[in-house]
């Protein structure tokens, strides 16, 4: 059964830890299913299954190179994730500012002792 490509599919696809590992490996460049399976310690059918999901949501592209099919990262597919997480930037900035103020106060207190 074919899955419909929706924005939430990207989130579902990267919820699986081994798919995130595949994306990390593909950041360094194209790899075959065999290479990915070996690096991740999984079977080729298992790696192929994860690659199919990643390709369906637009995170991975593939091309034929001789007898092999090579897979590469399509980072443009991560745009929905980047846009969503960007909404938390203010939260993190405020948290880091409070942490920085705490550390500065701690340094001042220790200097005074």
N, C-alpha and C. Protein backbone atom coordinates (compact mmCIF):
# COMPACT_ATOMS: atom_id res chain seq x y z
N UNK A 1 0.85 -1.18 0.00
CA UNK A 1 0.00 0.00 0.00
C UNK A 1 0.89 1.24 0.00
N UNK A 2 0.71 2.10 -0.95
CA UNK A 2 1.52 3.31 -1.06
C UNK A 2 1.10 4.31 0.01
N UNK A 3 2.09 4.98 0.55
CA UNK A 3 1.81 6.00 1.55
C UNK A 3 1.70 7.34 0.89
N UNK A 4 0.81 8.17 1.39
CA UNK A 4 0.67 9.52 0.88
C UNK A 4 1.77 10.39 1.44
N UNK A 5 2.38 11.20 0.60
CA UNK A 5 3.44 12.11 1.06
C UNK A 5 2.81 13.33 1.69
N UNK A 6 2.99 13.47 2.96
CA UNK A 6 2.53 14.65 3.67
C UNK A 6 3.68 15.18 4.49
N UNK A 7 3.52 16.36 5.00
CA UNK A 7 4.58 16.96 5.81
C UNK A 7 4.88 16.08 7.01
N UNK A 8 3.85 15.52 7.61
CA UNK A 8 4.09 14.71 8.81
C UNK A 8 4.85 13.43 8.49
N UNK A 9 4.86 12.98 7.26
CA UNK A 9 5.61 11.78 6.92
C UNK A 9 7.10 11.97 7.19
N UNK A 10 7.63 13.15 6.98
CA UNK A 10 9.05 13.40 7.26
C UNK A 10 9.32 13.17 8.74
N UNK A 11 8.44 13.67 9.58
CA UNK A 11 8.60 13.48 11.02
C UNK A 11 8.50 12.00 11.37
N UNK A 12 7.56 11.30 10.77
CA UNK A 12 7.42 9.87 11.03
C UNK A 12 8.65 9.11 10.56
N UNK A 13 9.17 9.49 9.41
CA UNK A 13 10.34 8.79 8.86
C UNK A 13 11.56 8.94 9.76
N UNK A 14 11.79 10.12 10.28
CA UNK A 14 13.00 10.33 11.09
C UNK A 14 12.78 9.96 12.55
N UNK A 15 11.58 9.54 12.89
CA UNK A 15 11.35 9.05 14.25
C UNK A 15 12.07 7.73 14.48
N UNK A 16 12.35 6.99 13.44
CA UNK A 16 13.05 5.71 13.52
C UNK A 16 14.56 5.97 13.62
N UNK A 17 15.21 5.53 14.72
CA UNK A 17 16.64 5.82 14.92
C UNK A 17 17.54 5.33 13.78
N UNK A 18 17.27 4.17 13.21
CA UNK A 18 18.14 3.68 12.15
C UNK A 18 18.03 4.52 10.89
N UNK A 19 16.87 5.11 10.66
CA UNK A 19 16.74 6.02 9.50
C UNK A 19 17.54 7.28 9.73
N UNK A 20 17.57 7.75 10.96
CA UNK A 20 18.40 8.94 11.26
C UNK A 20 19.87 8.60 11.06
N UNK A 21 20.26 7.38 11.45
CA UNK A 21 21.65 6.95 11.24
C UNK A 21 21.98 6.91 9.75
N UNK A 22 21.06 6.45 8.95
CA UNK A 22 21.27 6.41 7.50
C UNK A 22 21.48 7.84 6.98
N UNK A 23 20.66 8.76 7.43
CA UNK A 23 20.81 10.16 6.98
C UNK A 23 22.17 10.72 7.38
N UNK A 24 22.62 10.38 8.58
CA UNK A 24 23.93 10.86 9.03
C UNK A 24 25.03 10.30 8.13
N UNK A 25 24.95 9.02 7.81
CA UNK A 25 25.96 8.41 6.93
C UNK A 25 25.93 9.03 5.54
N UNK A 26 24.74 9.34 5.05
CA UNK A 26 24.63 9.90 3.70
C UNK A 26 25.08 11.35 3.63
N UNK A 27 25.23 12.00 4.79
CA UNK A 27 25.78 13.37 4.78
C UNK A 27 27.18 13.38 4.17
N UNK A 28 27.91 12.28 4.36
CA UNK A 28 29.29 12.20 3.87
C UNK A 28 29.35 11.87 2.38
N UNK A 29 28.25 11.46 1.79
CA UNK A 29 28.24 11.15 0.37
C UNK A 29 27.40 9.93 0.06
N UNK A 30 27.29 9.65 -1.22
CA UNK A 30 26.45 8.55 -1.68
C UNK A 30 27.01 7.21 -1.22
N UNK A 31 26.09 6.28 -0.98
CA UNK A 31 26.47 4.92 -0.61
C UNK A 31 25.47 3.95 -1.21
N UNK A 32 25.95 2.71 -1.40
CA UNK A 32 25.05 1.65 -1.88
C UNK A 32 24.33 1.03 -0.68
N UNK A 33 23.32 0.24 -0.96
CA UNK A 33 22.60 -0.45 0.10
C UNK A 33 23.55 -1.36 0.86
N UNK A 34 24.43 -2.04 0.12
CA UNK A 34 25.38 -2.96 0.75
C UNK A 34 26.26 -2.22 1.75
N UNK A 35 26.80 -1.08 1.35
CA UNK A 35 27.65 -0.31 2.25
C UNK A 35 26.88 0.15 3.49
N UNK A 36 25.66 0.64 3.27
CA UNK A 36 24.86 1.11 4.40
C UNK A 36 24.53 -0.03 5.35
N UNK A 37 24.15 -1.17 4.79
CA UNK A 37 23.81 -2.33 5.62
C UNK A 37 25.01 -2.76 6.46
N UNK A 38 26.19 -2.78 5.85
CA UNK A 38 27.39 -3.18 6.59
C UNK A 38 27.72 -2.18 7.69
N UNK A 39 27.66 -0.91 7.37
CA UNK A 39 28.00 0.11 8.36
C UNK A 39 27.02 0.13 9.54
N UNK A 40 25.77 -0.21 9.26
CA UNK A 40 24.76 -0.17 10.30
C UNK A 40 24.52 -1.53 10.96
N UNK A 41 25.18 -2.56 10.45
CA UNK A 41 25.01 -3.89 11.03
C UNK A 41 23.61 -4.44 10.84
N UNK A 42 23.03 -4.20 9.70
CA UNK A 42 21.69 -4.71 9.42
C UNK A 42 21.70 -5.46 8.10
N UNK A 43 20.62 -6.14 7.82
CA UNK A 43 20.52 -6.87 6.56
C UNK A 43 20.26 -5.90 5.41
N UNK A 44 20.58 -6.34 4.18
CA UNK A 44 20.29 -5.49 3.02
C UNK A 44 18.79 -5.24 2.85
N UNK A 45 17.93 -6.27 3.04
CA UNK A 45 16.49 -5.97 2.95
C UNK A 45 16.04 -4.95 4.00
N UNK A 46 16.63 -5.03 5.18
CA UNK A 46 16.29 -4.06 6.23
C UNK A 46 16.72 -2.66 5.83
N UNK A 47 17.93 -2.53 5.30
CA UNK A 47 18.42 -1.22 4.86
C UNK A 47 17.57 -0.70 3.70
N UNK A 48 17.21 -1.61 2.79
CA UNK A 48 16.39 -1.21 1.63
C UNK A 48 15.02 -0.69 2.09
N UNK A 49 14.47 -1.34 3.09
CA UNK A 49 13.15 -0.92 3.61
C UNK A 49 13.23 0.51 4.16
N UNK A 50 14.28 0.78 4.94
CA UNK A 50 14.43 2.13 5.50
C UNK A 50 14.69 3.16 4.38
N UNK A 51 15.49 2.77 3.40
CA UNK A 51 15.77 3.69 2.29
C UNK A 51 14.51 4.00 1.49
N UNK A 52 13.66 3.01 1.31
CA UNK A 52 12.41 3.24 0.58
C UNK A 52 11.55 4.28 1.30
N UNK A 53 11.45 4.15 2.62
CA UNK A 53 10.66 5.11 3.40
C UNK A 53 11.27 6.51 3.27
N UNK A 54 12.59 6.59 3.39
CA UNK A 54 13.26 7.89 3.30
C UNK A 54 13.11 8.51 1.91
N UNK A 55 13.14 7.67 0.88
CA UNK A 55 12.97 8.17 -0.49
C UNK A 55 11.54 8.65 -0.72
N UNK A 56 10.56 7.94 -0.16
CA UNK A 56 9.15 8.32 -0.35
C UNK A 56 8.83 9.67 0.26
N UNK A 57 9.53 10.04 1.33
CA UNK A 57 9.25 11.34 1.95
C UNK A 57 10.20 12.43 1.47
N UNK A 58 11.07 12.08 0.51
CA UNK A 58 11.93 13.10 -0.11
C UNK A 58 13.21 13.41 0.64
N UNK A 59 13.66 12.49 1.50
CA UNK A 59 14.90 12.74 2.23
C UNK A 59 16.10 12.09 1.56
N UNK A 60 15.84 11.15 0.67
CA UNK A 60 16.90 10.40 -0.01
C UNK A 60 16.57 10.32 -1.49
N UNK A 61 17.61 10.46 -2.30
CA UNK A 61 17.46 10.28 -3.75
C UNK A 61 18.35 9.12 -4.15
N UNK A 62 18.05 8.53 -5.26
CA UNK A 62 18.88 7.41 -5.71
C UNK A 62 19.17 7.56 -7.19
N UNK A 63 20.25 6.88 -7.61
CA UNK A 63 20.62 6.88 -9.01
C UNK A 63 21.33 5.57 -9.31
N UNK A 64 21.24 5.14 -10.53
CA UNK A 64 21.88 3.90 -10.95
C UNK A 64 23.31 4.24 -11.38
N UNK A 65 24.26 3.42 -10.91
CA UNK A 65 25.68 3.58 -11.28
C UNK A 65 26.21 2.20 -11.61
N UNK A 66 26.15 1.83 -12.89
CA UNK A 66 26.55 0.48 -13.29
C UNK A 66 25.52 -0.52 -12.79
N UNK A 67 26.03 -1.50 -12.05
CA UNK A 67 25.12 -2.51 -11.50
C UNK A 67 24.57 -2.12 -10.14
N UNK A 68 25.06 -1.02 -9.60
CA UNK A 68 24.64 -0.60 -8.27
C UNK A 68 23.65 0.55 -8.33
N UNK A 69 22.92 0.68 -7.27
CA UNK A 69 22.07 1.86 -7.06
C UNK A 69 22.67 2.60 -5.87
N UNK A 70 22.99 3.87 -6.10
CA UNK A 70 23.58 4.68 -5.04
C UNK A 70 22.54 5.61 -4.45
N UNK A 71 22.61 5.77 -3.13
CA UNK A 71 21.67 6.62 -2.40
C UNK A 71 22.40 7.82 -1.84
N UNK A 72 21.73 8.96 -1.94
CA UNK A 72 22.31 10.19 -1.41
C UNK A 72 21.27 10.99 -0.64
N UNK A 73 21.77 11.87 0.20
CA UNK A 73 20.90 12.71 1.02
C UNK A 73 20.26 13.79 0.17
N UNK A 74 18.98 14.03 0.38
CA UNK A 74 18.28 15.17 -0.23
C UNK A 74 17.84 16.06 0.93
N UNK A 75 18.75 16.92 1.35
CA UNK A 75 18.52 17.73 2.55
C UNK A 75 17.33 18.67 2.42
N UNK A 76 16.90 18.97 1.19
CA UNK A 76 15.74 19.86 1.02
C UNK A 76 14.49 19.24 1.65
N UNK A 77 14.47 17.92 1.76
CA UNK A 77 13.33 17.24 2.38
C UNK A 77 13.24 17.49 3.87
N UNK A 78 14.32 18.00 4.47
CA UNK A 78 14.32 18.28 5.91
C UNK A 78 13.77 19.67 6.23
N UNK A 79 13.39 20.43 5.18
CA UNK A 79 12.89 21.80 5.40
C UNK A 79 11.72 21.86 6.40
N UNK A 80 10.72 20.97 6.30
CA UNK A 80 9.63 21.05 7.29
C UNK A 80 10.11 20.86 8.72
N UNK A 81 11.09 20.00 8.92
CA UNK A 81 11.64 19.76 10.26
C UNK A 81 12.40 21.00 10.73
N UNK A 82 13.20 21.57 9.82
CA UNK A 82 13.97 22.76 10.16
C UNK A 82 13.04 23.93 10.50
N UNK A 83 12.00 24.10 9.71
CA UNK A 83 11.06 25.20 9.97
C UNK A 83 10.34 25.01 11.30
N UNK A 84 9.96 23.78 11.60
CA UNK A 84 9.25 23.52 12.85
C UNK A 84 10.15 23.74 14.05
N UNK A 85 11.37 23.19 14.00
CA UNK A 85 12.27 23.34 15.14
C UNK A 85 12.74 24.78 15.30
N UNK A 86 12.77 25.54 14.20
CA UNK A 86 13.17 26.95 14.27
C UNK A 86 12.24 27.76 15.16
N UNK A 87 11.00 27.30 15.33
CA UNK A 87 10.05 27.98 16.19
C UNK A 87 10.43 27.94 17.65
N UNK A 88 11.39 27.09 18.00
CA UNK A 88 11.83 26.97 19.39
C UNK A 88 13.12 27.74 19.65
N UNK A 89 13.61 28.46 18.65
CA UNK A 89 14.87 29.18 18.78
C UNK A 89 14.83 30.19 19.92
N UNK A 90 13.74 30.93 20.03
CA UNK A 90 13.64 31.92 21.10
C UNK A 90 13.72 31.24 22.47
N UNK A 91 13.06 30.10 22.62
CA UNK A 91 13.11 29.36 23.88
C UNK A 91 14.55 29.02 24.25
N UNK A 92 15.30 28.46 23.29
CA UNK A 92 16.68 28.07 23.56
C UNK A 92 17.57 29.27 23.83
N UNK A 93 17.36 30.36 23.08
CA UNK A 93 18.16 31.56 23.33
C UNK A 93 17.93 32.10 24.74
N UNK A 94 16.65 32.12 25.17
CA UNK A 94 16.35 32.60 26.52
C UNK A 94 16.96 31.67 27.57
N UNK A 95 16.91 30.36 27.32
CA UNK A 95 17.49 29.39 28.26
C UNK A 95 19.00 29.58 28.36
N UNK A 96 19.66 29.77 27.23
CA UNK A 96 21.11 29.98 27.25
C UNK A 96 21.47 31.31 27.92
N UNK A 97 20.66 32.33 27.70
CA UNK A 97 20.90 33.62 28.36
C UNK A 97 20.78 33.49 29.87
N UNK A 98 19.77 32.76 30.36
CA UNK A 98 19.61 32.55 31.81
C UNK A 98 20.79 31.75 32.36
N UNK A 99 21.22 30.73 31.61
CA UNK A 99 22.36 29.92 32.04
C UNK A 99 23.63 30.77 32.08
N UNK A 100 23.82 31.61 31.08
CA UNK A 100 24.99 32.48 31.05
C UNK A 100 24.97 33.45 32.23
N UNK A 101 23.81 34.02 32.54
CA UNK A 101 23.70 34.93 33.68
C UNK A 101 24.00 34.19 34.98
N UNK A 102 23.54 32.96 35.12
CA UNK A 102 23.81 32.17 36.31
C UNK A 102 25.32 31.92 36.46
N UNK A 103 25.98 31.55 35.37
CA UNK A 103 27.42 31.29 35.42
C UNK A 103 28.18 32.55 35.77
N UNK A 104 27.79 33.68 35.21
CA UNK A 104 28.45 34.95 35.54
C UNK A 104 28.28 35.29 37.02
N UNK A 105 27.07 35.10 37.55
CA UNK A 105 26.82 35.33 38.98
C UNK A 105 27.68 34.41 39.83
N UNK A 106 27.79 33.17 39.44
CA UNK A 106 28.58 32.18 40.17
C UNK A 106 30.06 32.59 40.18
N UNK A 107 30.57 33.06 39.05
CA UNK A 107 31.96 33.52 38.97
C UNK A 107 32.18 34.72 39.89
N UNK A 108 31.24 35.66 39.90
CA UNK A 108 31.35 36.85 40.75
C UNK A 108 31.35 36.45 42.22
N UNK A 109 30.50 35.50 42.58
CA UNK A 109 30.41 35.05 43.97
C UNK A 109 31.71 34.39 44.41
N UNK A 110 32.29 33.59 43.54
CA UNK A 110 33.55 32.90 43.89
C UNK A 110 34.73 33.87 43.97
N UNK A 111 34.70 34.90 43.13
CA UNK A 111 35.76 35.90 43.20
C UNK A 111 35.70 36.65 44.52
N UNK A 112 34.47 36.92 44.98
CA UNK A 112 34.27 37.69 46.21
C UNK A 112 34.65 36.89 47.45
N UNK A 113 34.66 35.55 47.34
CA UNK A 113 34.95 34.72 48.53
C UNK A 113 36.43 34.67 48.87
